[in-house]
Amino acid sequence: MHSDKNKMGRAFVNLISNAIKHGAPHKEIEISAFIEKDNFIFRVTNHLSTSHLPNTPDLFKPFVRGSGSKGLGLGLYVTKEIAKFHKGDVEIIREDTKITFKLWIPIK
């Protein structure tokens, strides 16, 4: 499957900038990309800046912003739409004080 490189680039930027803006300051951000079971996986993991975990289904709704965010609240919505355009998806995995956004796109 061929992907739209501009759209995929936007999705990568959205996930990374989201981790920078909303992650805990001075904590590492883990970024990985790999192939798994005929899917391209792009994963971004960061520590949450508060002990409050967000309501994950709402994060992909348009105009939903994180606390203190000055953005429009469209980044994760756009990212999920880009994944769907490529017949993939974005999943959220929460573990203790970490949150991972896993974008996957089928490659066959």
Protein backbone atom coordinates (compact mmCIF):
# COMPACT_ATOMS: atom_id res chain seq x y z
CA MET A 1 0.00 0.00 0.00
CA HIS A 2 1.24 3.46 -0.85
CA SER A 3 0.85 6.18 1.73
CA ASP A 4 0.52 9.92 1.43
CA LYS A 5 3.89 11.09 2.81
CA ASN A 6 2.62 14.58 3.65
CA LYS A 7 -0.32 13.23 5.64
CA MET A 8 1.86 10.68 7.42
CA GLY A 9 4.41 13.38 8.22
CA ARG A 10 1.62 15.49 9.75
CA ALA A 11 0.52 12.51 11.88
CA PHE A 12 4.08 11.96 13.16
CA VAL A 13 4.50 15.65 13.97
CA ASN A 14 1.13 15.75 15.75
CA LEU A 15 1.98 12.78 17.99
CA ILE A 16 5.46 14.03 18.85
CA SER A 17 4.37 17.63 19.50
CA ASN A 18 1.48 16.37 21.64
CA ALA A 19 3.97 14.44 23.79
CA ILE A 20 6.19 17.52 24.12
CA LYS A 21 3.32 19.88 24.98
CA HIS A 22 1.40 17.64 27.36
CA GLY A 23 4.08 15.37 28.80
CA ALA A 24 5.80 15.79 32.12
CA PRO A 25 8.65 18.30 31.87
CA HIS A 26 12.19 16.87 31.95
CA LYS A 27 10.96 13.30 31.34
CA GLU A 28 11.97 11.25 28.35
CA ILE A 29 9.78 10.75 25.29
CA GLU A 30 10.14 7.38 23.59
CA ILE A 31 9.61 7.25 19.82
CA SER A 32 9.77 4.06 17.78
CA ALA A 33 8.84 2.91 14.30
CA PHE A 34 8.83 -0.70 13.15
CA ILE A 35 6.99 -3.35 11.14
CA GLU A 36 4.84 -5.86 13.05
CA LYS A 37 2.45 -8.42 11.51
CA ASP A 38 2.11 -6.63 8.15
CA ASN A 39 1.58 -3.25 9.85
CA PHE A 40 3.77 -0.19 10.05
CA ILE A 41 3.77 0.96 13.69
CA PHE A 42 4.74 4.44 14.89
CA ARG A 43 4.65 4.74 18.67
CA VAL A 44 5.17 7.73 20.96
CA THR A 45 5.28 7.26 24.74
CA ASN A 46 5.58 9.99 27.35
CA HIS A 47 5.04 10.52 31.05
CA LEU A 48 1.86 12.35 31.98
CA SER A 49 2.38 15.77 33.51
CA THR A 50 -0.22 15.10 36.22
CA SER A 51 -1.53 12.05 38.01
CA HIS A 52 -4.87 12.72 36.31
CA LEU A 53 -5.27 10.42 33.31
CA PRO A 54 -7.29 11.89 30.46
CA ASN A 55 -10.57 10.40 29.30
CA THR A 56 -9.05 8.65 26.31
CA PRO A 57 -12.10 8.40 23.98
CA ASP A 58 -12.47 12.20 24.14
CA LEU A 59 -8.88 12.81 23.04
CA PHE A 60 -9.74 12.03 19.42
CA LYS A 61 -12.77 14.32 19.28
CA PRO A 62 -12.29 17.63 17.45
CA PHE A 63 -11.78 20.75 19.58
CA VAL A 64 -10.99 18.77 22.76
CA ARG A 65 -7.89 20.33 24.28
CA GLY A 66 -5.59 19.30 27.08
CA SER A 67 -5.51 21.40 30.20
CA GLY A 68 -3.59 24.60 29.61
CA SER A 69 -3.40 23.99 25.86
CA LYS A 70 -3.51 26.97 23.56
CA GLY A 71 -4.05 24.83 20.45
CA LEU A 72 -7.29 24.22 18.62
CA GLY A 73 -7.69 20.66 19.88
CA LEU A 74 -7.45 19.17 16.40
CA GLY A 75 -4.07 17.39 16.42
CA LEU A 76 -5.16 13.97 17.65
CA TYR A 77 -8.40 14.16 15.70
CA VAL A 78 -6.47 14.86 12.49
CA THR A 79 -3.97 12.10 13.31
CA LYS A 80 -6.75 9.54 13.73
CA GLU A 81 -8.36 10.68 10.46
CA ILE A 82 -5.01 10.29 8.65
CA ALA A 83 -4.69 6.77 10.06
CA LYS A 84 -8.22 5.92 8.92
CA PHE A 85 -7.47 7.37 5.46
CA HIS A 86 -4.67 4.78 5.26
CA LYS A 87 -6.98 2.01 6.60
CA GLY A 88 -5.21 2.07 9.99
CA ASP A 89 -5.92 3.47 13.43
CA VAL A 90 -4.43 5.11 16.50
CA GLU A 91 -4.63 3.37 19.86
CA ILE A 92 -3.94 4.68 23.34
CA ILE A 93 -2.18 2.53 25.91
CA ARG A 94 -2.07 3.84 29.48
CA GLU A 95 0.27 2.37 32.05
CA ASP A 96 0.83 3.99 35.44
CA THR A 97 1.99 7.54 34.66
CA LYS A 98 2.86 6.81 31.01
CA ILE A 99 0.69 7.16 27.94
CA THR A 100 1.47 5.67 24.53
CA PHE A 101 -0.07 6.64 21.21
CA LYS A 102 0.32 3.77 18.76
CA LEU A 103 -0.42 4.59 15.12
CA TRP A 104 -0.62 1.57 12.86
CA ILE A 105 -1.05 1.36 9.10
CA PRO A 106 -1.37 -1.90 7.12
CA ILE A 107 1.43 -2.34 4.60
CA LYS A 108 -0.24 -5.02 2.45
